[in-house]
Amino acid sequence: MSAAMLQLLWRSLLETLLMVGVSGLVAVLAGIPLGVALIVSERGGLVPFPLFNRVLGALVNATRSVPFVILMVAIVPLTRLVAGTSIGTTAAIVPLALAAIPFMARLAENALREIDPGLVVAARAMGASPLQVVLKIMLPEALPGLVAAVTVTLIGLIGYSAMAGAIGGGGLGDLGIRYGYQRFLPEVMAIVVVVLILLVQLIQSLSDWLVRRLSHR
């Protein structure tokens, strides 16, 4: 592979890392609070609010059910408003984040649901407020599950970013399509696939190590 192609591969990798990193951060910052809201507002939760719970759950499910390619096209006006353009790496972050937020919310909800209910009951009996229970009991106890949820979200975003690259989002997906497919360079496509596999493996390995450490606190 030529030096120019190696430079292009490196730039594409950085673009993919930027897309996944920023959209993943947004998904975590918005998805975990949504997951908490779904848990505490359900019937029998810390702050029961069934109507709010049903509406929020319906919105999360509706967003999750839209295929990513359709979502990218459907929110082009929003993407232009936020990013100033509808193509390129920066623009791809908007639909990536929007797709990942409800996904992360449901994973966070499941992680929080695994907590021993007795801990919450005991904290409430000792006079802890709902906010204290969430911050001092629920989130710390669910931390290994939340780390695993973040990992699944990031790996999903890597796949989404490759799809975004195929329609003008930049990154490794764009490199694979433009050079590997359109210019008939199968070796470029193979390298892109290998890099994506290694990236996923690295994230999963780091996550597994961190989950083991947190599970043996």
N, C-alpha and C. Protein backbone atom coordinates (compact mmCIF):
# COMPACT_ATOMS: atom_id res chain seq x y z
N MET A 1 0.85 -1.20 0.00
CA MET A 1 0.00 0.00 0.00
C MET A 1 0.88 1.25 0.00
N SER A 2 0.52 2.21 -0.81
CA SER A 2 1.32 3.42 -0.94
C SER A 2 1.22 4.30 0.30
N ALA A 3 2.19 5.23 0.41
CA ALA A 3 2.19 6.15 1.55
C ALA A 3 0.94 7.02 1.55
N ALA A 4 0.50 7.42 0.36
CA ALA A 4 -0.69 8.25 0.25
C ALA A 4 -1.93 7.51 0.75
N MET A 5 -2.02 6.22 0.41
CA MET A 5 -3.15 5.44 0.86
C MET A 5 -3.11 5.20 2.37
N LEU A 6 -1.91 5.01 2.92
CA LEU A 6 -1.77 4.85 4.36
C LEU A 6 -2.20 6.12 5.09
N GLN A 7 -1.85 7.26 4.52
CA GLN A 7 -2.25 8.54 5.11
C GLN A 7 -3.76 8.69 5.06
N LEU A 8 -4.35 8.28 3.94
CA LEU A 8 -5.80 8.35 3.79
C LEU A 8 -6.49 7.41 4.78
N LEU A 9 -5.91 6.22 4.97
CA LEU A 9 -6.45 5.26 5.93
C LEU A 9 -6.41 5.84 7.35
N TRP A 10 -5.29 6.46 7.70
CA TRP A 10 -5.14 7.05 9.02
C TRP A 10 -6.16 8.17 9.24
N ARG A 11 -6.33 9.02 8.22
CA ARG A 11 -7.30 10.11 8.33
C ARG A 11 -8.73 9.57 8.47
N SER A 12 -9.02 8.53 7.72
CA SER A 12 -10.35 7.92 7.80
C SER A 12 -10.59 7.30 9.17
N LEU A 13 -9.56 6.68 9.74
CA LEU A 13 -9.68 6.11 11.07
C LEU A 13 -9.96 7.20 12.10
N LEU A 14 -9.25 8.31 12.00
CA LEU A 14 -9.48 9.43 12.92
C LEU A 14 -10.89 9.98 12.79
N GLU A 15 -11.38 10.04 11.56
CA GLU A 15 -12.75 10.52 11.34
C GLU A 15 -13.76 9.57 11.99
N THR A 16 -13.52 8.27 11.84
CA THR A 16 -14.41 7.29 12.47
C THR A 16 -14.37 7.41 13.98
N LEU A 17 -13.17 7.56 14.55
CA LEU A 17 -13.04 7.71 15.99
C LEU A 17 -13.75 8.98 16.48
N LEU A 18 -13.67 10.05 15.68
CA LEU A 18 -14.35 11.29 16.05
C LEU A 18 -15.86 11.09 16.05
N MET A 19 -16.39 10.48 14.98
CA MET A 19 -17.82 10.25 14.90
C MET A 19 -18.32 9.39 16.05
N VAL A 20 -17.62 8.28 16.29
CA VAL A 20 -18.04 7.34 17.33
C VAL A 20 -17.86 7.95 18.72
N GLY A 21 -16.73 8.65 18.92
CA GLY A 21 -16.46 9.22 20.22
C GLY A 21 -17.45 10.30 20.63
N VAL A 22 -17.69 11.25 19.75
CA VAL A 22 -18.59 12.36 20.08
C VAL A 22 -20.04 11.87 20.21
N SER A 23 -20.50 11.09 19.24
CA SER A 23 -21.88 10.59 19.31
C SER A 23 -22.05 9.64 20.49
N GLY A 24 -21.02 8.86 20.81
CA GLY A 24 -21.09 7.98 21.98
C GLY A 24 -21.18 8.77 23.26
N LEU A 25 -20.43 9.85 23.36
CA LEU A 25 -20.48 10.70 24.56
C LEU A 25 -21.87 11.32 24.72
N VAL A 26 -22.42 11.81 23.62
CA VAL A 26 -23.77 12.39 23.67
C VAL A 26 -24.78 11.32 24.08
N ALA A 27 -24.63 10.11 23.54
CA ALA A 27 -25.55 9.02 23.87
C ALA A 27 -25.49 8.67 25.35
N VAL A 28 -24.29 8.66 25.92
CA VAL A 28 -24.15 8.35 27.35
C VAL A 28 -24.75 9.45 28.21
N LEU A 29 -24.43 10.71 27.87
CA LEU A 29 -24.91 11.84 28.67
C LEU A 29 -26.43 11.98 28.62
N ALA A 30 -27.03 11.61 27.50
CA ALA A 30 -28.49 11.72 27.38
C ALA A 30 -29.19 10.40 27.64
N GLY A 31 -28.57 9.28 27.25
CA GLY A 31 -29.23 7.99 27.36
C GLY A 31 -29.35 7.48 28.78
N ILE A 32 -28.30 7.66 29.59
CA ILE A 32 -28.37 7.16 30.97
C ILE A 32 -29.45 7.90 31.78
N PRO A 33 -29.52 9.24 31.72
CA PRO A 33 -30.65 9.91 32.41
C PRO A 33 -32.02 9.45 31.91
N LEU A 34 -32.13 9.18 30.60
CA LEU A 34 -33.40 8.67 30.09
C LEU A 34 -33.70 7.29 30.67
N GLY A 35 -32.67 6.45 30.76
CA GLY A 35 -32.86 5.13 31.36
C GLY A 35 -33.28 5.23 32.81
N VAL A 36 -32.66 6.17 33.54
CA VAL A 36 -33.05 6.40 34.94
C VAL A 36 -34.50 6.87 35.01
N ALA A 37 -34.87 7.80 34.12
CA ALA A 37 -36.24 8.31 34.11
C ALA A 37 -37.25 7.19 33.84
N LEU A 38 -36.91 6.27 32.95
CA LEU A 38 -37.81 5.16 32.65
C LEU A 38 -37.98 4.25 33.87
N ILE A 39 -36.91 4.05 34.62
CA ILE A 39 -36.97 3.17 35.79
C ILE A 39 -37.75 3.81 36.94
N VAL A 40 -37.41 5.05 37.27
CA VAL A 40 -38.00 5.66 38.47
C VAL A 40 -39.45 6.07 38.25
N SER A 41 -39.87 6.27 36.98
CA SER A 41 -41.23 6.73 36.73
C SER A 41 -42.22 5.59 36.49
N GLU A 42 -41.72 4.36 36.41
CA GLU A 42 -42.64 3.24 36.17
C GLU A 42 -43.50 2.97 37.40
N ARG A 43 -44.57 2.23 37.20
CA ARG A 43 -45.46 1.91 38.31
C ARG A 43 -44.69 1.14 39.38
N GLY A 44 -44.69 1.62 40.59
CA GLY A 44 -43.93 1.00 41.66
C GLY A 44 -42.51 1.51 41.77
N GLY A 45 -42.15 2.49 40.94
CA GLY A 45 -40.80 3.05 40.97
C GLY A 45 -40.64 4.08 42.07
N LEU A 46 -39.47 4.72 42.09
CA LEU A 46 -39.19 5.72 43.12
C LEU A 46 -40.15 6.91 43.03
N VAL A 47 -40.42 7.34 41.80
CA VAL A 47 -41.34 8.47 41.59
C VAL A 47 -42.35 8.03 40.52
N PRO A 48 -43.35 7.25 40.90
CA PRO A 48 -44.29 6.70 39.91
C PRO A 48 -45.00 7.79 39.12
N PHE A 49 -44.93 7.67 37.81
CA PHE A 49 -45.61 8.62 36.92
C PHE A 49 -45.93 7.83 35.64
N PRO A 50 -46.93 6.95 35.69
CA PRO A 50 -47.20 6.02 34.59
C PRO A 50 -47.40 6.69 33.22
N LEU A 51 -48.11 7.82 33.21
CA LEU A 51 -48.36 8.50 31.93
C LEU A 51 -47.06 8.96 31.31
N PHE A 52 -46.23 9.63 32.09
CA PHE A 52 -44.92 10.08 31.59
C PHE A 52 -44.09 8.89 31.14
N ASN A 53 -44.14 7.81 31.90
CA ASN A 53 -43.37 6.61 31.57
C ASN A 53 -43.80 6.03 30.23
N ARG A 54 -45.10 5.97 30.01
CA ARG A 54 -45.60 5.42 28.75
C ARG A 54 -45.23 6.29 27.56
N VAL A 55 -45.36 7.61 27.73
CA VAL A 55 -45.03 8.53 26.64
C VAL A 55 -43.54 8.47 26.32
N LEU A 56 -42.69 8.51 27.36
CA LEU A 56 -41.25 8.45 27.15
C LEU A 56 -40.85 7.11 26.53
N GLY A 57 -41.43 6.03 27.02
CA GLY A 57 -41.13 4.72 26.45
C GLY A 57 -41.52 4.61 24.99
N ALA A 58 -42.67 5.21 24.65
CA ALA A 58 -43.13 5.17 23.25
C ALA A 58 -42.18 5.96 22.36
N LEU A 59 -41.72 7.12 22.83
CA LEU A 59 -40.78 7.93 22.05
C LEU A 59 -39.46 7.19 21.84
N VAL A 60 -38.96 6.57 22.90
CA VAL A 60 -37.72 5.81 22.79
C VAL A 60 -37.87 4.66 21.81
N ASN A 61 -38.98 3.94 21.91
CA ASN A 61 -39.20 2.81 21.01
C ASN A 61 -39.37 3.26 19.57
N ALA A 62 -40.07 4.38 19.37
CA ALA A 62 -40.29 4.89 18.01
C ALA A 62 -38.97 5.27 17.36
N THR A 63 -38.10 5.93 18.11
CA THR A 63 -36.80 6.34 17.54
C THR A 63 -35.95 5.12 17.25
N ARG A 64 -35.98 4.14 18.13
CA ARG A 64 -35.16 2.93 17.93
C ARG A 64 -35.62 2.13 16.72
N SER A 65 -36.90 2.23 16.39
CA SER A 65 -37.44 1.39 15.32
C SER A 65 -37.14 1.92 13.93
N VAL A 66 -36.67 3.16 13.83
CA VAL A 66 -36.40 3.75 12.51
C VAL A 66 -35.02 3.27 12.02
N PRO A 67 -34.94 2.65 10.85
CA PRO A 67 -33.63 2.25 10.31
C PRO A 67 -32.69 3.44 10.19
N PHE A 68 -31.41 3.20 10.45
CA PHE A 68 -30.47 4.31 10.53
C PHE A 68 -30.38 5.11 9.22
N VAL A 69 -30.39 4.43 8.09
CA VAL A 69 -30.28 5.14 6.81
C VAL A 69 -31.47 6.07 6.61
N ILE A 70 -32.65 5.59 6.97
CA ILE A 70 -33.85 6.43 6.85
C ILE A 70 -33.77 7.60 7.82
N LEU A 71 -33.28 7.32 9.02
CA LEU A 71 -33.15 8.39 10.02
C LEU A 71 -32.21 9.48 9.53
N MET A 72 -31.09 9.09 8.91
CA MET A 72 -30.14 10.07 8.39
C MET A 72 -30.79 11.01 7.38
N VAL A 73 -31.60 10.43 6.50
CA VAL A 73 -32.26 11.24 5.47
C VAL A 73 -33.37 12.09 6.08
N ALA A 74 -34.11 11.51 7.03
CA ALA A 74 -35.28 12.20 7.58
C ALA A 74 -34.90 13.44 8.38
N ILE A 75 -33.73 13.42 9.02
CA ILE A 75 -33.37 14.55 9.87
C ILE A 75 -32.33 15.47 9.21
N VAL A 76 -32.25 15.44 7.89
CA VAL A 76 -31.31 16.33 7.19
C VAL A 76 -31.49 17.79 7.58
N PRO A 77 -32.74 18.30 7.67
CA PRO A 77 -32.89 19.71 8.10
C PRO A 77 -32.30 19.96 9.50
N LEU A 78 -32.52 19.02 10.43
CA LEU A 78 -31.95 19.17 11.77
C LEU A 78 -30.43 19.10 11.72
N THR A 79 -29.90 18.21 10.90
CA THR A 79 -28.46 18.09 10.77
C THR A 79 -27.85 19.38 10.24
N ARG A 80 -28.50 19.98 9.23
CA ARG A 80 -28.01 21.26 8.68
C ARG A 80 -28.07 22.35 9.75
N LEU A 81 -29.13 22.34 10.55
CA LEU A 81 -29.30 23.35 11.59
C LEU A 81 -28.21 23.23 12.65
N VAL A 82 -27.89 22.00 13.04
CA VAL A 82 -26.92 21.78 14.12
C VAL A 82 -25.49 21.87 13.62
N ALA A 83 -25.21 21.21 12.49
CA ALA A 83 -23.84 21.10 12.02
C ALA A 83 -23.49 22.09 10.91
N GLY A 84 -24.49 22.73 10.33
CA GLY A 84 -24.24 23.67 9.25
C GLY A 84 -24.07 23.02 7.89
N THR A 85 -24.15 21.71 7.84
CA THR A 85 -24.02 20.95 6.59
C THR A 85 -24.69 19.59 6.78
N SER A 86 -24.98 18.94 5.68
CA SER A 86 -25.63 17.62 5.77
C SER A 86 -24.69 16.50 5.31
N ILE A 87 -23.45 16.84 4.95
CA ILE A 87 -22.50 15.81 4.55
C ILE A 87 -21.20 16.00 5.34
N GLY A 88 -20.43 14.94 5.39
CA GLY A 88 -19.16 15.02 6.10
C GLY A 88 -19.22 14.43 7.50
N THR A 89 -18.07 14.37 8.14
CA THR A 89 -17.94 13.74 9.44
C THR A 89 -18.75 14.46 10.51
N THR A 90 -18.66 15.78 10.54
CA THR A 90 -19.39 16.54 11.56
C THR A 90 -20.89 16.34 11.42
N ALA A 91 -21.38 16.35 10.20
CA ALA A 91 -22.81 16.16 9.97
C ALA A 91 -23.26 14.77 10.39
N ALA A 92 -22.42 13.76 10.20
CA ALA A 92 -22.79 12.39 10.54
C ALA A 92 -22.98 12.20 12.03
N ILE A 93 -22.34 13.02 12.84
CA ILE A 93 -22.45 12.89 14.29
C ILE A 93 -23.88 13.08 14.77
N VAL A 94 -24.62 13.97 14.10
CA VAL A 94 -25.99 14.28 14.54
C VAL A 94 -26.90 13.05 14.45
N PRO A 95 -27.05 12.39 13.30
CA PRO A 95 -27.90 11.20 13.26
C PRO A 95 -27.32 10.04 14.07
N LEU A 96 -26.00 9.95 14.15
CA LEU A 96 -25.40 8.88 14.97
C LEU A 96 -25.81 9.04 16.43
N ALA A 97 -25.72 10.25 16.94
CA ALA A 97 -26.08 10.49 18.34
C ALA A 97 -27.57 10.25 18.55
N LEU A 98 -28.39 10.73 17.62
CA LEU A 98 -29.84 10.58 17.76
C LEU A 98 -30.24 9.10 17.73
N ALA A 99 -29.54 8.30 16.93
CA ALA A 99 -29.83 6.87 16.88
C ALA A 99 -29.35 6.15 18.13
N ALA A 100 -28.25 6.62 18.71
CA ALA A 100 -27.65 5.92 19.85
C ALA A 100 -28.32 6.26 21.17
N ILE A 101 -28.91 7.44 21.31
CA ILE A 101 -29.50 7.86 22.59
C ILE A 101 -30.58 6.88 23.06
N PRO A 102 -31.61 6.58 22.26
CA PRO A 102 -32.64 5.64 22.75
C PRO A 102 -32.10 4.23 22.96
N PHE A 103 -31.14 3.83 22.16
CA PHE A 103 -30.51 2.52 22.32
C PHE A 103 -29.82 2.45 23.68
N MET A 104 -29.04 3.49 24.00
CA MET A 104 -28.36 3.55 25.28
C MET A 104 -29.36 3.64 26.43
N ALA A 105 -30.46 4.34 26.22
CA ALA A 105 -31.46 4.48 27.27
C ALA A 105 -32.04 3.13 27.67
N ARG A 106 -32.36 2.30 26.69
CA ARG A 106 -32.92 0.98 27.00
C ARG A 106 -31.88 0.07 27.66
N LEU A 107 -30.64 0.15 27.20
CA LEU A 107 -29.59 -0.66 27.83
C LEU A 107 -29.35 -0.22 29.27
N ALA A 108 -29.35 1.10 29.50
CA ALA A 108 -29.18 1.60 30.86
C ALA A 108 -30.35 1.18 31.74
N GLU A 109 -31.55 1.23 31.18
CA GLU A 109 -32.73 0.79 31.93
C GLU A 109 -32.59 -0.66 32.37
N ASN A 110 -32.13 -1.51 31.45
CA ASN A 110 -31.94 -2.93 31.78
C ASN A 110 -30.87 -3.12 32.85
N ALA A 111 -29.78 -2.35 32.75
CA ALA A 111 -28.71 -2.45 33.75
C ALA A 111 -29.22 -2.04 35.13
N LEU A 112 -30.00 -0.98 35.19
CA LEU A 112 -30.54 -0.51 36.46
C LEU A 112 -31.58 -1.47 37.02
N ARG A 113 -32.25 -2.19 36.15
CA ARG A 113 -33.27 -3.13 36.59
C ARG A 113 -32.66 -4.35 37.28
N GLU A 114 -31.37 -4.59 37.05
CA GLU A 114 -30.69 -5.73 37.66
C GLU A 114 -30.30 -5.48 39.12
N ILE A 115 -30.46 -4.25 39.60
CA ILE A 115 -30.10 -3.94 40.98
C ILE A 115 -31.04 -4.66 41.94
N ASP A 116 -30.50 -5.11 43.07
CA ASP A 116 -31.31 -5.74 44.11
C ASP A 116 -32.31 -4.72 44.65
N PRO A 117 -33.61 -4.97 44.50
CA PRO A 117 -34.60 -4.00 44.99
C PRO A 117 -34.49 -3.75 46.49
N GLY A 118 -33.96 -4.71 47.21
CA GLY A 118 -33.81 -4.54 48.66
C GLY A 118 -32.92 -3.37 49.03
N LEU A 119 -31.92 -3.09 48.18
CA LEU A 119 -31.03 -1.95 48.45
C LEU A 119 -31.79 -0.63 48.38
N VAL A 120 -32.64 -0.54 47.39
CA VAL A 120 -33.44 0.69 47.23
C VAL A 120 -34.42 0.84 48.38
N VAL A 121 -35.08 -0.26 48.75
CA VAL A 121 -36.03 -0.22 49.86
C VAL A 121 -35.34 0.17 51.15
N ALA A 122 -34.15 -0.40 51.39
CA ALA A 122 -33.41 -0.07 52.61
C ALA A 122 -33.00 1.40 52.63
N ALA A 123 -32.56 1.92 51.49
CA ALA A 123 -32.15 3.33 51.43
C ALA A 123 -33.34 4.25 51.68
N ARG A 124 -34.48 3.91 51.10
CA ARG A 124 -35.67 4.72 51.31
C ARG A 124 -36.12 4.67 52.77
N ALA A 125 -36.00 3.49 53.41
CA ALA A 125 -36.38 3.34 54.81
C ALA A 125 -35.48 4.17 55.72
N MET A 126 -34.25 4.42 55.28
CA MET A 126 -33.32 5.21 56.08
C MET A 126 -33.47 6.71 55.81
N GLY A 127 -34.44 7.07 54.98
CA GLY A 127 -34.72 8.48 54.74
C GLY A 127 -34.07 9.10 53.53
N ALA A 128 -33.47 8.28 52.67
CA ALA A 128 -32.82 8.82 51.47
C ALA A 128 -33.87 9.33 50.49
N SER A 129 -33.57 10.45 49.85
CA SER A 129 -34.47 11.00 48.85
C SER A 129 -34.32 10.22 47.55
N PRO A 130 -35.30 10.34 46.64
CA PRO A 130 -35.16 9.64 45.35
C PRO A 130 -33.86 9.98 44.63
N LEU A 131 -33.46 11.24 44.64
CA LEU A 131 -32.22 11.64 43.98
C LEU A 131 -31.01 10.98 44.65
N GLN A 132 -31.01 10.92 45.96
CA GLN A 132 -29.91 10.26 46.68
C GLN A 132 -29.87 8.78 46.36
N VAL A 133 -31.03 8.15 46.26
CA VAL A 133 -31.07 6.72 45.93
C VAL A 133 -30.47 6.49 44.54
N VAL A 134 -30.83 7.35 43.60
CA VAL A 134 -30.32 7.20 42.23
C VAL A 134 -28.81 7.39 42.19
N LEU A 135 -28.33 8.47 42.83
CA LEU A 135 -26.91 8.82 42.73
C LEU A 135 -26.01 7.94 43.60
N LYS A 136 -26.49 7.52 44.75
CA LYS A 136 -25.63 6.81 45.70
C LYS A 136 -25.86 5.30 45.74
N ILE A 137 -26.99 4.85 45.23
CA ILE A 137 -27.29 3.41 45.26
C ILE A 137 -27.39 2.83 43.85
N MET A 138 -28.32 3.36 43.07
CA MET A 138 -28.64 2.74 41.78
C MET A 138 -27.48 2.83 40.79
N LEU A 139 -26.98 4.04 40.55
CA LEU A 139 -25.91 4.19 39.55
C LEU A 139 -24.62 3.46 39.95
N PRO A 140 -24.14 3.59 41.20
CA PRO A 140 -22.93 2.84 41.57
C PRO A 140 -23.11 1.33 41.47
N GLU A 141 -24.26 0.82 41.90
CA GLU A 141 -24.49 -0.62 41.84
C GLU A 141 -24.62 -1.13 40.41
N ALA A 142 -25.13 -0.29 39.54
CA ALA A 142 -25.33 -0.69 38.14
C ALA A 142 -24.12 -0.40 37.26
N LEU A 143 -23.03 0.11 37.85
CA LEU A 143 -21.90 0.57 37.06
C LEU A 143 -21.32 -0.49 36.10
N PRO A 144 -21.09 -1.74 36.56
CA PRO A 144 -20.59 -2.74 35.59
C PRO A 144 -21.53 -2.93 34.40
N GLY A 145 -22.83 -2.98 34.68
CA GLY A 145 -23.80 -3.13 33.60
C GLY A 145 -23.84 -1.92 32.69
N LEU A 146 -23.65 -0.75 33.27
CA LEU A 146 -23.65 0.47 32.45
C LEU A 146 -22.41 0.53 31.56
N VAL A 147 -21.27 0.07 32.07
CA VAL A 147 -20.06 0.01 31.25
C VAL A 147 -20.28 -0.94 30.07
N ALA A 148 -20.88 -2.09 30.35
CA ALA A 148 -21.18 -3.04 29.27
C ALA A 148 -22.16 -2.42 28.27
N ALA A 149 -23.12 -1.64 28.76
CA ALA A 149 -24.08 -0.99 27.88
C ALA A 149 -23.40 0.04 26.98
N VAL A 150 -22.48 0.80 27.56
CA VAL A 150 -21.73 1.78 26.76
C VAL A 150 -20.93 1.07 25.68
N THR A 151 -20.35 -0.07 26.04
CA THR A 151 -19.56 -0.84 25.06
C THR A 151 -20.41 -1.28 23.88
N VAL A 152 -21.58 -1.84 24.18
CA VAL A 152 -22.48 -2.29 23.11
C VAL A 152 -22.88 -1.11 22.23
N THR A 153 -23.12 0.03 22.86
CA THR A 153 -23.50 1.23 22.10
C THR A 153 -22.37 1.69 21.19
N LEU A 154 -21.14 1.72 21.71
CA LEU A 154 -20.00 2.15 20.90
C LEU A 154 -19.77 1.21 19.72
N ILE A 155 -19.89 -0.09 19.96
CA ILE A 155 -19.70 -1.06 18.88
C ILE A 155 -20.79 -0.89 17.82
N GLY A 156 -22.01 -0.65 18.28
CA GLY A 156 -23.08 -0.38 17.32
C GLY A 156 -22.82 0.88 16.51
N LEU A 157 -22.27 1.90 17.18
CA LEU A 157 -21.95 3.15 16.49
C LEU A 157 -20.86 2.97 15.45
N ILE A 158 -19.93 2.06 15.69
CA ILE A 158 -18.90 1.80 14.68
C ILE A 158 -19.54 1.29 13.39
N GLY A 159 -20.50 0.38 13.55
CA GLY A 159 -21.22 -0.11 12.37
C GLY A 159 -22.03 0.98 11.71
N TYR A 160 -22.72 1.80 12.51
CA TYR A 160 -23.50 2.91 11.96
C TYR A 160 -22.60 3.91 11.25
N SER A 161 -21.40 4.17 11.82
CA SER A 161 -20.49 5.15 11.21
C SER A 161 -20.02 4.68 9.85
N ALA A 162 -19.79 3.37 9.72
CA ALA A 162 -19.41 2.83 8.41
C ALA A 162 -20.55 3.02 7.40
N MET A 163 -21.79 2.84 7.88
CA MET A 163 -22.95 3.04 7.02
C MET A 163 -23.07 4.52 6.64
N ALA A 164 -22.81 5.40 7.61
CA ALA A 164 -22.87 6.84 7.33
C ALA A 164 -21.81 7.23 6.32
N GLY A 165 -20.63 6.62 6.43
CA GLY A 165 -19.55 6.91 5.48
C GLY A 165 -19.92 6.53 4.06
N ALA A 166 -20.75 5.50 3.93
CA ALA A 166 -21.14 5.05 2.59
C ALA A 166 -22.01 6.06 1.87
N ILE A 167 -22.62 6.99 2.63
CA ILE A 167 -23.48 7.99 1.98
C ILE A 167 -23.00 9.40 2.31
N GLY A 168 -21.67 9.56 2.38
CA GLY A 168 -21.09 10.89 2.49
C GLY A 168 -20.69 11.32 3.87
N GLY A 169 -20.62 10.38 4.84
CA GLY A 169 -20.28 10.76 6.20
C GLY A 169 -18.81 10.76 6.51
N GLY A 170 -17.98 10.29 5.58
CA GLY A 170 -16.56 10.21 5.84
C GLY A 170 -16.20 8.98 6.66
N GLY A 171 -14.94 8.87 7.05
CA GLY A 171 -14.51 7.75 7.88
C GLY A 171 -14.17 6.52 7.07
N LEU A 172 -14.03 5.40 7.77
CA LEU A 172 -13.61 4.15 7.13
C LEU A 172 -14.64 3.63 6.15
N GLY A 173 -15.91 3.84 6.43
CA GLY A 173 -16.95 3.39 5.50
C GLY A 173 -16.83 4.09 4.16
N ASP A 174 -16.58 5.38 4.20
CA ASP A 174 -16.40 6.16 2.97
C ASP A 174 -15.17 5.68 2.20
N LEU A 175 -14.08 5.40 2.94
CA LEU A 175 -12.86 4.92 2.28
C LEU A 175 -13.11 3.58 1.60
N GLY A 176 -13.78 2.68 2.30
CA GLY A 176 -14.04 1.36 1.73
C GLY A 176 -14.90 1.42 0.48
N ILE A 177 -15.93 2.27 0.49
CA ILE A 177 -16.82 2.39 -0.66
C ILE A 177 -16.14 3.08 -1.83
N ARG A 178 -15.49 4.21 -1.58
CA ARG A 178 -14.91 5.00 -2.67
C ARG A 178 -13.71 4.32 -3.32
N TYR A 179 -12.88 3.70 -2.52
CA TYR A 179 -11.66 3.08 -3.07
C TYR A 179 -11.80 1.56 -3.23
N GLY A 180 -12.36 0.91 -2.21
CA GLY A 180 -12.47 -0.54 -2.30
C GLY A 180 -13.50 -1.02 -3.29
N TYR A 181 -14.64 -0.31 -3.37
CA TYR A 181 -15.73 -0.75 -4.24
C TYR A 181 -15.75 0.00 -5.57
N GLN A 182 -15.83 1.32 -5.51
CA GLN A 182 -15.99 2.10 -6.73
C GLN A 182 -14.73 2.09 -7.61
N ARG A 183 -13.55 1.99 -6.99
CA ARG A 183 -12.31 1.97 -7.77
C ARG A 183 -11.71 0.58 -7.90
N PHE A 184 -12.48 -0.42 -7.50
CA PHE A 184 -12.08 -1.82 -7.67
C PHE A 184 -10.71 -2.11 -7.04
N LEU A 185 -10.57 -1.74 -5.75
CA LEU A 185 -9.36 -2.03 -4.99
C LEU A 185 -9.75 -2.90 -3.80
N PRO A 186 -9.92 -4.19 -4.03
CA PRO A 186 -10.39 -5.07 -2.95
C PRO A 186 -9.46 -5.10 -1.75
N GLU A 187 -8.17 -4.84 -1.97
CA GLU A 187 -7.25 -4.85 -0.82
C GLU A 187 -7.57 -3.71 0.15
N VAL A 188 -8.05 -2.57 -0.39
CA VAL A 188 -8.44 -1.46 0.49
C VAL A 188 -9.66 -1.85 1.31
N MET A 189 -10.63 -2.48 0.67
CA MET A 189 -11.82 -2.93 1.39
C MET A 189 -11.44 -3.92 2.49
N ALA A 190 -10.52 -4.83 2.18
CA ALA A 190 -10.09 -5.84 3.16
C ALA A 190 -9.41 -5.16 4.36
N ILE A 191 -8.58 -4.17 4.09
CA ILE A 191 -7.88 -3.47 5.17
C ILE A 191 -8.88 -2.71 6.04
N VAL A 192 -9.86 -2.08 5.41
CA VAL A 192 -10.89 -1.36 6.17
C VAL A 192 -11.64 -2.32 7.09
N VAL A 193 -12.00 -3.49 6.58
CA VAL A 193 -12.70 -4.48 7.39
C VAL A 193 -11.83 -4.93 8.56
N VAL A 194 -10.56 -5.18 8.29
CA VAL A 194 -9.65 -5.61 9.36
C VAL A 194 -9.52 -4.53 10.43
N VAL A 195 -9.39 -3.29 10.02
CA VAL A 195 -9.26 -2.18 10.98
C VAL A 195 -10.52 -2.07 11.83
N LEU A 196 -11.69 -2.21 11.22
CA LEU A 196 -12.94 -2.15 11.97
C LEU A 196 -13.03 -3.29 12.97
N ILE A 197 -12.61 -4.49 12.55
CA ILE A 197 -12.64 -5.64 13.45
C ILE A 197 -11.70 -5.42 14.64
N LEU A 198 -10.50 -4.92 14.36
CA LEU A 198 -9.54 -4.65 15.43
C LEU A 198 -10.05 -3.58 16.39
N LEU A 199 -10.72 -2.57 15.84
CA LEU A 199 -11.26 -1.50 16.68
C LEU A 199 -12.34 -2.04 17.61
N VAL A 200 -13.22 -2.86 17.07
CA VAL A 200 -14.27 -3.47 17.89
C VAL A 200 -13.65 -4.37 18.97
N GLN A 201 -12.66 -5.16 18.57
CA GLN A 201 -12.02 -6.07 19.52
C GLN A 201 -11.33 -5.29 20.65
N LEU A 202 -10.70 -4.18 20.31
CA LEU A 202 -10.03 -3.36 21.32
C LEU A 202 -11.03 -2.81 22.32
N ILE A 203 -12.13 -2.25 21.82
CA ILE A 203 -13.15 -1.70 22.70
C ILE A 203 -13.74 -2.78 23.59
N GLN A 204 -14.03 -3.95 23.02
CA GLN A 204 -14.63 -5.04 23.79
C GLN A 204 -13.67 -5.56 24.85
N SER A 205 -12.39 -5.67 24.51
CA SER A 205 -11.40 -6.16 25.47
C SER A 205 -11.25 -5.19 26.64
N LEU A 206 -11.16 -3.89 26.34
CA LEU A 206 -11.06 -2.90 27.41
C LEU A 206 -12.30 -2.91 28.29
N SER A 207 -13.46 -3.07 27.68
CA SER A 207 -14.70 -3.11 28.44
C SER A 207 -14.74 -4.34 29.35
N ASP A 208 -14.36 -5.50 28.82
CA ASP A 208 -14.37 -6.72 29.62
C ASP A 208 -13.46 -6.58 30.83
N TRP A 209 -12.28 -5.99 30.63
CA TRP A 209 -11.34 -5.79 31.74
C TRP A 209 -11.92 -4.84 32.78
N LEU A 210 -12.55 -3.75 32.32
CA LEU A 210 -13.11 -2.77 33.24
C LEU A 210 -14.30 -3.34 34.00
N VAL A 211 -15.13 -4.10 33.33
CA VAL A 211 -16.28 -4.72 34.00
C VAL A 211 -15.81 -5.69 35.07
N ARG A 212 -14.77 -6.47 34.78
CA ARG A 212 -14.24 -7.39 35.79
C ARG A 212 -13.72 -6.63 37.00
N ARG A 213 -13.03 -5.53 36.76
CA ARG A 213 -12.50 -4.72 37.88
C ARG A 213 -13.64 -4.14 38.72
N LEU A 214 -14.66 -3.64 38.05
CA LEU A 214 -15.77 -3.02 38.78
C LEU A 214 -16.63 -4.07 39.51
N SER A 215 -16.68 -5.27 38.96
CA SER A 215 -17.49 -6.33 39.56
C SER A 215 -16.84 -6.90 40.81
N HIS A 216 -15.56 -6.64 41.02
CA HIS A 216 -14.85 -7.17 42.19
C HIS A 216 -14.42 -6.05 43.11
N ARG A 217 -15.22 -4.95 43.11
CA ARG A 217 -14.87 -3.84 43.99
C ARG A 217 -14.91 -4.28 45.43
